[in-house]
Amino acid sequence: MTDHASKALRLAKAVGEAMYACDHAVRALGITLEEVRPGRARLSMTIRRDMLNSHQTCHGGISYTLADAAFGYAANSYNHIAVAANCDMTYLIPGREGDVLTAVGEERYLRGRNGVYDITITNQNGEVMAIFRGRCRRIQGEVAPGLREAIEARPK
C-alpha cells in the first residue's frame, strides 16, 4: 500500500470513528459501524421487535436509515462535509425480527462537489433485501477539523 493510500485509509477510519461518536440516531438503533474506507462503508444492525411495522416486518424507515447511514459514512470518508441531495431505495424482500442486516455503501462517482453512492442491504443469509442510491453534494467544512493535518503529520 502506498503512503498516500495508507494515509487515506487512516483518515477514513478516523472520520468514521468521529462521526459514530456523535451519531446518536445510529447508536440508538443499535447500528454498528464495521468498516470505513475511502468512499466505502459497512454498517450492520439486528431487527428488533420495536422496529417492526403492522405487517410484522421491518419498517421501511428503519432499513432506509441503515442505508442512509452507510451512504453518509462513505460520502464523508474524505473528511469533507457531504450532505444528501437526493436518495431513493428499492425494497426487494422484507426483513423479519432477528434478521441481521448489513449495508455496504460504495462510491460510484465523485468529482468536484458531487458524488453518487450505491448501498446494498443484505440479510444474514446474503439475500439482497434493498438497494439504495444516494447523491451527495460536498459543502464547506470538515467532518473533524484538523484531522487531515494530524494524519499527514503522524508517521506510519
N, C-alpha and C. Protein backbone atom coordinates (compact mmCIF):
# COMPACT_ATOMS: atom_id res chain seq x y z
N MET A 1 0.85 -1.17 0.00
CA MET A 1 0.00 0.00 0.00
C MET A 1 0.90 1.24 0.00
N THR A 2 0.61 2.19 -0.86
CA THR A 2 1.40 3.41 -0.92
C THR A 2 1.17 4.25 0.33
N ASP A 3 2.07 5.18 0.56
CA ASP A 3 1.93 6.06 1.71
C ASP A 3 0.65 6.89 1.60
N HIS A 4 0.34 7.35 0.40
CA HIS A 4 -0.89 8.13 0.18
C HIS A 4 -2.13 7.28 0.49
N ALA A 5 -2.15 6.04 0.00
CA ALA A 5 -3.29 5.15 0.25
C ALA A 5 -3.41 4.83 1.73
N SER A 6 -2.28 4.65 2.40
CA SER A 6 -2.29 4.35 3.82
C SER A 6 -2.86 5.53 4.61
N LYS A 7 -2.47 6.75 4.26
CA LYS A 7 -2.98 7.94 4.94
C LYS A 7 -4.47 8.12 4.66
N ALA A 8 -4.89 7.86 3.43
CA ALA A 8 -6.31 7.98 3.08
C ALA A 8 -7.15 6.99 3.88
N LEU A 9 -6.64 5.78 4.05
CA LEU A 9 -7.35 4.77 4.83
C LEU A 9 -7.42 5.17 6.31
N ARG A 10 -6.30 5.64 6.86
CA ARG A 10 -6.30 6.09 8.25
C ARG A 10 -7.26 7.27 8.45
N LEU A 11 -7.29 8.18 7.50
CA LEU A 11 -8.20 9.32 7.58
C LEU A 11 -9.65 8.85 7.56
N ALA A 12 -9.98 7.97 6.63
CA ALA A 12 -11.36 7.47 6.52
C ALA A 12 -11.79 6.78 7.82
N LYS A 13 -10.94 5.96 8.38
CA LYS A 13 -11.27 5.27 9.64
C LYS A 13 -11.46 6.27 10.77
N ALA A 14 -10.59 7.26 10.86
CA ALA A 14 -10.70 8.26 11.92
C ALA A 14 -11.96 9.11 11.76
N VAL A 15 -12.30 9.45 10.52
CA VAL A 15 -13.53 10.21 10.27
C VAL A 15 -14.73 9.37 10.69
N GLY A 16 -14.74 8.10 10.32
CA GLY A 16 -15.84 7.21 10.70
C GLY A 16 -15.99 7.14 12.21
N GLU A 17 -14.89 7.01 12.93
CA GLU A 17 -14.95 6.95 14.39
C GLU A 17 -15.48 8.25 14.97
N ALA A 18 -15.04 9.38 14.42
CA ALA A 18 -15.51 10.69 14.90
C ALA A 18 -17.00 10.86 14.64
N MET A 19 -17.46 10.44 13.47
CA MET A 19 -18.88 10.54 13.15
C MET A 19 -19.70 9.65 14.07
N TYR A 20 -19.25 8.41 14.25
CA TYR A 20 -20.00 7.45 15.06
C TYR A 20 -20.16 7.93 16.50
N ALA A 21 -19.11 8.56 17.02
CA ALA A 21 -19.16 9.05 18.40
C ALA A 21 -20.26 10.08 18.60
N CYS A 22 -20.62 10.80 17.54
CA CYS A 22 -21.65 11.86 17.63
C CYS A 22 -22.97 11.45 17.00
N ASP A 23 -23.07 10.25 16.49
CA ASP A 23 -24.26 9.81 15.72
C ASP A 23 -25.25 9.13 16.66
N HIS A 24 -26.02 9.92 17.36
CA HIS A 24 -26.95 9.41 18.36
C HIS A 24 -28.03 8.53 17.76
N ALA A 25 -28.55 8.90 16.59
CA ALA A 25 -29.63 8.11 15.98
C ALA A 25 -29.14 6.72 15.61
N VAL A 26 -27.99 6.63 14.99
CA VAL A 26 -27.44 5.34 14.59
C VAL A 26 -27.20 4.45 15.81
N ARG A 27 -26.60 5.02 16.83
CA ARG A 27 -26.32 4.22 18.03
C ARG A 27 -27.60 3.81 18.74
N ALA A 28 -28.62 4.69 18.76
CA ALA A 28 -29.90 4.34 19.41
C ALA A 28 -30.59 3.18 18.71
N LEU A 29 -30.38 3.05 17.41
CA LEU A 29 -30.97 1.94 16.65
C LEU A 29 -30.14 0.66 16.74
N GLY A 30 -29.01 0.73 17.40
CA GLY A 30 -28.16 -0.45 17.53
C GLY A 30 -27.35 -0.72 16.28
N ILE A 31 -27.18 0.28 15.43
CA ILE A 31 -26.39 0.13 14.22
C ILE A 31 -24.92 0.15 14.60
N THR A 32 -24.17 -0.80 14.06
CA THR A 32 -22.74 -0.92 14.34
C THR A 32 -21.95 -0.50 13.10
N LEU A 33 -20.95 0.32 13.32
CA LEU A 33 -20.03 0.70 12.25
C LEU A 33 -18.96 -0.37 12.17
N GLU A 34 -18.93 -1.09 11.06
CA GLU A 34 -17.98 -2.19 10.91
C GLU A 34 -16.72 -1.80 10.15
N GLU A 35 -16.86 -0.93 9.16
CA GLU A 35 -15.70 -0.58 8.33
C GLU A 35 -15.95 0.74 7.62
N VAL A 36 -14.91 1.54 7.54
CA VAL A 36 -14.92 2.73 6.69
C VAL A 36 -13.60 2.77 5.96
N ARG A 37 -13.69 2.96 4.66
CA ARG A 37 -12.53 3.14 3.79
C ARG A 37 -12.84 4.35 2.91
N PRO A 38 -11.88 4.87 2.20
CA PRO A 38 -12.20 5.99 1.31
C PRO A 38 -13.32 5.60 0.32
N GLY A 39 -14.45 6.30 0.43
CA GLY A 39 -15.56 6.05 -0.47
C GLY A 39 -16.36 4.80 -0.20
N ARG A 40 -16.17 4.19 0.95
CA ARG A 40 -16.85 2.92 1.25
C ARG A 40 -17.13 2.82 2.75
N ALA A 41 -18.27 2.22 3.08
CA ALA A 41 -18.60 1.98 4.49
C ALA A 41 -19.47 0.74 4.61
N ARG A 42 -19.34 0.04 5.74
CA ARG A 42 -20.18 -1.13 6.02
C ARG A 42 -20.71 -0.99 7.45
N LEU A 43 -22.04 -1.07 7.58
CA LEU A 43 -22.71 -0.98 8.86
C LEU A 43 -23.68 -2.13 8.97
N SER A 44 -24.02 -2.50 10.21
CA SER A 44 -24.97 -3.60 10.39
C SER A 44 -25.88 -3.32 11.58
N MET A 45 -26.98 -4.05 11.62
CA MET A 45 -27.93 -3.95 12.74
C MET A 45 -28.78 -5.19 12.78
N THR A 46 -29.34 -5.47 13.95
CA THR A 46 -30.28 -6.56 14.14
C THR A 46 -31.67 -5.97 14.27
N ILE A 47 -32.62 -6.53 13.53
CA ILE A 47 -34.00 -6.05 13.59
C ILE A 47 -34.63 -6.49 14.91
N ARG A 48 -35.08 -5.49 15.67
CA ARG A 48 -35.73 -5.74 16.96
C ARG A 48 -37.24 -5.64 16.80
N ARG A 49 -37.96 -6.12 17.79
CA ARG A 49 -39.43 -6.07 17.78
C ARG A 49 -39.93 -4.64 17.61
N ASP A 50 -39.28 -3.67 18.27
CA ASP A 50 -39.74 -2.29 18.18
C ASP A 50 -39.44 -1.64 16.82
N MET A 51 -38.86 -2.39 15.90
CA MET A 51 -38.57 -1.91 14.55
C MET A 51 -39.55 -2.47 13.52
N LEU A 52 -40.52 -3.26 13.99
CA LEU A 52 -41.48 -3.90 13.09
C LEU A 52 -42.69 -3.00 12.83
N ASN A 53 -43.22 -3.11 11.61
CA ASN A 53 -44.44 -2.37 11.27
C ASN A 53 -45.66 -3.25 11.55
N SER A 54 -46.83 -2.82 11.09
CA SER A 54 -48.06 -3.56 11.37
C SER A 54 -48.13 -4.91 10.66
N HIS A 55 -47.27 -5.14 9.67
CA HIS A 55 -47.21 -6.44 8.98
C HIS A 55 -46.20 -7.38 9.63
N GLN A 56 -45.61 -6.90 10.75
CA GLN A 56 -44.59 -7.66 11.47
C GLN A 56 -43.33 -7.88 10.63
N THR A 57 -43.04 -6.91 9.76
CA THR A 57 -41.78 -6.88 9.01
C THR A 57 -41.06 -5.58 9.35
N CYS A 58 -39.80 -5.52 9.02
CA CYS A 58 -39.00 -4.34 9.34
C CYS A 58 -39.62 -3.10 8.69
N HIS A 59 -39.83 -2.08 9.48
CA HIS A 59 -40.37 -0.82 8.97
C HIS A 59 -39.41 -0.27 7.92
N GLY A 60 -39.95 0.19 6.81
CA GLY A 60 -39.11 0.72 5.73
C GLY A 60 -38.21 1.85 6.16
N GLY A 61 -38.67 2.66 7.10
CA GLY A 61 -37.86 3.77 7.57
C GLY A 61 -36.64 3.31 8.34
N ILE A 62 -36.72 2.16 8.97
CA ILE A 62 -35.58 1.62 9.72
C ILE A 62 -34.50 1.15 8.75
N SER A 63 -34.88 0.36 7.74
CA SER A 63 -33.88 -0.10 6.78
C SER A 63 -33.35 1.06 5.94
N TYR A 64 -34.20 2.06 5.69
CA TYR A 64 -33.75 3.25 4.97
C TYR A 64 -32.69 3.98 5.80
N THR A 65 -32.90 4.06 7.10
CA THR A 65 -31.93 4.73 7.98
C THR A 65 -30.60 4.01 7.95
N LEU A 66 -30.62 2.68 7.95
CA LEU A 66 -29.37 1.91 7.85
C LEU A 66 -28.65 2.24 6.55
N ALA A 67 -29.37 2.24 5.43
CA ALA A 67 -28.77 2.54 4.14
C ALA A 67 -28.26 3.98 4.09
N ASP A 68 -29.05 4.90 4.61
CA ASP A 68 -28.67 6.30 4.61
C ASP A 68 -27.41 6.52 5.45
N ALA A 69 -27.29 5.79 6.54
CA ALA A 69 -26.09 5.89 7.37
C ALA A 69 -24.86 5.40 6.61
N ALA A 70 -24.99 4.27 5.92
CA ALA A 70 -23.85 3.76 5.14
C ALA A 70 -23.46 4.77 4.06
N PHE A 71 -24.44 5.37 3.43
CA PHE A 71 -24.21 6.42 2.45
C PHE A 71 -23.44 7.58 3.09
N GLY A 72 -23.90 8.04 4.23
CA GLY A 72 -23.27 9.17 4.89
C GLY A 72 -21.83 8.90 5.30
N TYR A 73 -21.58 7.72 5.84
CA TYR A 73 -20.21 7.39 6.26
C TYR A 73 -19.29 7.27 5.05
N ALA A 74 -19.77 6.67 3.97
CA ALA A 74 -18.95 6.55 2.75
C ALA A 74 -18.68 7.92 2.13
N ALA A 75 -19.72 8.74 2.03
CA ALA A 75 -19.58 10.04 1.38
C ALA A 75 -18.70 11.01 2.18
N ASN A 76 -18.69 10.88 3.49
CA ASN A 76 -17.91 11.78 4.33
C ASN A 76 -16.52 11.25 4.67
N SER A 77 -16.15 10.12 4.12
CA SER A 77 -14.91 9.43 4.49
C SER A 77 -13.64 10.19 4.13
N TYR A 78 -13.76 11.22 3.31
CA TYR A 78 -12.59 12.01 2.94
C TYR A 78 -12.41 13.23 3.86
N ASN A 79 -13.28 13.35 4.86
CA ASN A 79 -13.30 14.45 5.81
C ASN A 79 -13.81 15.75 5.21
N HIS A 80 -14.43 15.70 4.04
CA HIS A 80 -15.17 16.84 3.51
C HIS A 80 -16.63 16.62 3.89
N ILE A 81 -17.29 17.66 4.40
CA ILE A 81 -18.70 17.50 4.73
C ILE A 81 -19.48 17.28 3.45
N ALA A 82 -20.23 16.18 3.41
CA ALA A 82 -21.08 15.84 2.26
C ALA A 82 -22.49 15.62 2.78
N VAL A 83 -23.45 16.25 2.13
CA VAL A 83 -24.85 16.13 2.54
C VAL A 83 -25.65 15.51 1.40
N ALA A 84 -26.72 14.84 1.75
CA ALA A 84 -27.56 14.20 0.74
C ALA A 84 -28.26 15.25 -0.09
N ALA A 85 -28.28 15.03 -1.39
CA ALA A 85 -29.02 15.89 -2.31
C ALA A 85 -30.27 15.15 -2.80
N ASN A 86 -30.15 13.84 -2.95
CA ASN A 86 -31.26 13.02 -3.41
C ASN A 86 -30.96 11.57 -3.09
N CYS A 87 -31.98 10.83 -2.67
CA CYS A 87 -31.81 9.40 -2.36
C CYS A 87 -33.06 8.65 -2.77
N ASP A 88 -32.87 7.41 -3.18
CA ASP A 88 -34.04 6.55 -3.41
C ASP A 88 -33.68 5.12 -3.03
N MET A 89 -34.71 4.36 -2.70
CA MET A 89 -34.48 3.00 -2.23
C MET A 89 -35.52 2.08 -2.83
N THR A 90 -35.06 0.92 -3.23
CA THR A 90 -35.94 -0.13 -3.73
C THR A 90 -35.91 -1.27 -2.72
N TYR A 91 -37.09 -1.62 -2.22
CA TYR A 91 -37.22 -2.70 -1.24
C TYR A 91 -37.54 -3.99 -2.00
N LEU A 92 -36.77 -5.03 -1.76
CA LEU A 92 -36.90 -6.26 -2.53
C LEU A 92 -37.56 -7.39 -1.74
N ILE A 93 -37.09 -7.63 -0.52
CA ILE A 93 -37.71 -8.64 0.35
C ILE A 93 -37.80 -8.06 1.76
N PRO A 94 -38.76 -8.51 2.54
CA PRO A 94 -38.93 -7.94 3.89
C PRO A 94 -37.91 -8.48 4.87
N GLY A 95 -37.64 -7.66 5.87
CA GLY A 95 -36.81 -8.09 6.99
C GLY A 95 -37.71 -8.54 8.12
N ARG A 96 -37.26 -9.51 8.87
CA ARG A 96 -38.03 -10.08 9.99
C ARG A 96 -37.29 -9.85 11.30
N GLU A 97 -38.02 -9.93 12.37
CA GLU A 97 -37.41 -9.78 13.68
C GLU A 97 -36.27 -10.79 13.83
N GLY A 98 -35.14 -10.31 14.31
CA GLY A 98 -33.96 -11.15 14.50
C GLY A 98 -33.02 -11.17 13.30
N ASP A 99 -33.48 -10.74 12.14
CA ASP A 99 -32.58 -10.67 10.98
C ASP A 99 -31.44 -9.70 11.26
N VAL A 100 -30.27 -10.05 10.77
CA VAL A 100 -29.12 -9.16 10.86
C VAL A 100 -28.92 -8.56 9.47
N LEU A 101 -29.06 -7.25 9.40
CA LEU A 101 -28.92 -6.54 8.13
C LEU A 101 -27.54 -5.91 8.04
N THR A 102 -26.95 -5.99 6.86
CA THR A 102 -25.67 -5.35 6.60
C THR A 102 -25.83 -4.44 5.40
N ALA A 103 -25.42 -3.20 5.55
CA ALA A 103 -25.46 -2.22 4.46
C ALA A 103 -24.03 -1.89 4.05
N VAL A 104 -23.75 -2.07 2.77
CA VAL A 104 -22.44 -1.74 2.24
C VAL A 104 -22.63 -0.60 1.25
N GLY A 105 -21.98 0.52 1.54
CA GLY A 105 -22.04 1.69 0.67
C GLY A 105 -20.76 1.82 -0.12
N GLU A 106 -20.92 2.02 -1.44
CA GLU A 106 -19.76 2.13 -2.31
C GLU A 106 -19.90 3.33 -3.24
N GLU A 107 -18.81 4.06 -3.33
CA GLU A 107 -18.76 5.22 -4.21
C GLU A 107 -18.78 4.78 -5.67
N ARG A 108 -19.64 5.41 -6.45
CA ARG A 108 -19.70 5.14 -7.88
C ARG A 108 -19.12 6.29 -8.69
N TYR A 109 -19.24 7.51 -8.14
CA TYR A 109 -18.79 8.69 -8.86
C TYR A 109 -18.48 9.77 -7.85
N LEU A 110 -17.34 10.43 -8.01
CA LEU A 110 -17.01 11.59 -7.18
C LEU A 110 -16.18 12.52 -8.03
N ARG A 111 -16.72 13.70 -8.23
CA ARG A 111 -15.99 14.72 -9.00
C ARG A 111 -16.43 16.08 -8.49
N GLY A 112 -15.44 16.87 -8.11
CA GLY A 112 -15.76 18.18 -7.58
C GLY A 112 -16.61 18.05 -6.33
N ARG A 113 -17.78 18.67 -6.36
CA ARG A 113 -18.65 18.67 -5.18
C ARG A 113 -19.75 17.62 -5.24
N ASN A 114 -19.78 16.80 -6.29
CA ASN A 114 -20.87 15.84 -6.47
C ASN A 114 -20.39 14.41 -6.36
N GLY A 115 -21.22 13.59 -5.69
CA GLY A 115 -20.90 12.18 -5.55
C GLY A 115 -22.14 11.32 -5.67
N VAL A 116 -21.95 10.10 -6.12
CA VAL A 116 -23.03 9.11 -6.23
C VAL A 116 -22.56 7.84 -5.53
N TYR A 117 -23.43 7.30 -4.67
CA TYR A 117 -23.10 6.12 -3.87
C TYR A 117 -24.23 5.11 -3.96
N ASP A 118 -23.86 3.85 -4.11
CA ASP A 118 -24.82 2.75 -4.11
C ASP A 118 -24.65 1.96 -2.83
N ILE A 119 -25.77 1.66 -2.21
CA ILE A 119 -25.77 0.90 -0.96
C ILE A 119 -26.62 -0.34 -1.16
N THR A 120 -26.09 -1.49 -0.79
CA THR A 120 -26.82 -2.74 -0.86
C THR A 120 -27.02 -3.25 0.56
N ILE A 121 -28.26 -3.57 0.89
CA ILE A 121 -28.56 -4.17 2.19
C ILE A 121 -28.82 -5.65 1.99
N THR A 122 -28.11 -6.47 2.75
CA THR A 122 -28.31 -7.92 2.71
C THR A 122 -28.68 -8.39 4.11
N ASN A 123 -29.28 -9.58 4.17
CA ASN A 123 -29.56 -10.19 5.48
C ASN A 123 -28.46 -11.19 5.80
N GLN A 124 -28.59 -11.87 6.91
CA GLN A 124 -27.57 -12.82 7.39
C GLN A 124 -27.38 -14.00 6.44
N ASN A 125 -28.32 -14.22 5.53
CA ASN A 125 -28.20 -15.30 4.54
C ASN A 125 -27.61 -14.82 3.22
N GLY A 126 -27.23 -13.55 3.17
CA GLY A 126 -26.66 -12.99 1.94
C GLY A 126 -27.69 -12.58 0.91
N GLU A 127 -28.97 -12.63 1.29
CA GLU A 127 -30.03 -12.22 0.36
C GLU A 127 -30.09 -10.70 0.29
N VAL A 128 -30.19 -10.17 -0.93
CA VAL A 128 -30.30 -8.73 -1.09
C VAL A 128 -31.72 -8.32 -0.72
N MET A 129 -31.82 -7.46 0.27
CA MET A 129 -33.12 -7.00 0.77
C MET A 129 -33.54 -5.67 0.15
N ALA A 130 -32.56 -4.80 -0.08
CA ALA A 130 -32.88 -3.48 -0.61
C ALA A 130 -31.65 -2.89 -1.29
N ILE A 131 -31.93 -1.99 -2.22
CA ILE A 131 -30.87 -1.26 -2.93
C ILE A 131 -31.19 0.22 -2.82
N PHE A 132 -30.19 1.00 -2.47
CA PHE A 132 -30.33 2.43 -2.21
C PHE A 132 -29.31 3.16 -3.06
N ARG A 133 -29.70 4.27 -3.64
CA ARG A 133 -28.74 5.14 -4.34
C ARG A 133 -28.85 6.53 -3.75
N GLY A 134 -27.70 7.06 -3.37
CA GLY A 134 -27.66 8.40 -2.80
C GLY A 134 -26.74 9.30 -3.60
N ARG A 135 -27.20 10.51 -3.77
CA ARG A 135 -26.40 11.52 -4.45
C ARG A 135 -26.09 12.61 -3.43
N CYS A 136 -24.82 12.97 -3.31
CA CYS A 136 -24.43 13.95 -2.31
C CYS A 136 -23.83 15.19 -2.95
N ARG A 137 -23.79 16.21 -2.13
CA ARG A 137 -23.16 17.47 -2.50
C ARG A 137 -22.20 17.82 -1.37
N ARG A 138 -20.95 18.05 -1.73
CA ARG A 138 -19.98 18.49 -0.74
C ARG A 138 -20.17 19.97 -0.47
N ILE A 139 -20.13 20.32 0.80
CA ILE A 139 -20.23 21.72 1.18
C ILE A 139 -18.97 22.10 1.93
N GLN A 140 -18.86 23.34 2.31
CA GLN A 140 -17.65 23.79 3.01
C GLN A 140 -17.55 23.15 4.38
N GLY A 141 -16.34 22.88 4.77
CA GLY A 141 -16.08 22.38 6.11
C GLY A 141 -15.58 20.95 6.14
N GLU A 142 -15.05 20.60 7.28
CA GLU A 142 -14.55 19.25 7.52
C GLU A 142 -15.41 18.57 8.58
N VAL A 143 -15.53 17.27 8.45
CA VAL A 143 -16.26 16.48 9.44
C VAL A 143 -15.57 16.61 10.79
N ALA A 144 -14.27 16.43 10.80
CA ALA A 144 -13.46 16.54 12.01
C ALA A 144 -12.32 17.51 11.72
N PRO A 145 -12.52 18.79 12.02
CA PRO A 145 -11.49 19.79 11.71
C PRO A 145 -10.13 19.42 12.28
N GLY A 146 -9.10 19.58 11.44
CA GLY A 146 -7.73 19.30 11.85
C GLY A 146 -7.30 17.85 11.73
N LEU A 147 -8.24 16.96 11.45
CA LEU A 147 -7.91 15.54 11.41
C LEU A 147 -6.95 15.21 10.26
N ARG A 148 -7.19 15.78 9.10
CA ARG A 148 -6.32 15.52 7.94
C ARG A 148 -4.88 15.89 8.26
N GLU A 149 -4.69 17.06 8.87
CA GLU A 149 -3.33 17.51 9.19
C GLU A 149 -2.68 16.56 10.21
N ALA A 150 -3.47 16.11 11.17
CA ALA A 150 -2.93 15.19 12.17
C ALA A 150 -2.50 13.87 11.53
N ILE A 151 -3.28 13.38 10.59
CA ILE A 151 -2.94 12.13 9.88
C ILE A 151 -1.69 12.34 9.04
N GLU A 152 -1.62 13.46 8.34
CA GLU A 152 -0.47 13.76 7.49
C GLU A 152 0.83 13.85 8.30
N ALA A 153 0.73 14.43 9.50
CA ALA A 153 1.92 14.65 10.33
C ALA A 153 2.38 13.38 11.05
N ARG A 154 1.44 12.45 11.24
CA ARG A 154 1.75 11.24 12.00
C ARG A 154 2.52 10.24 11.13
N PRO A 155 3.58 9.68 11.64
CA PRO A 155 4.31 8.65 10.87
C PRO A 155 3.46 7.39 10.75
N LYS A 156 3.83 6.55 9.80
CA LYS A 156 3.12 5.29 9.57
C LYS A 156 2.98 4.58 10.86
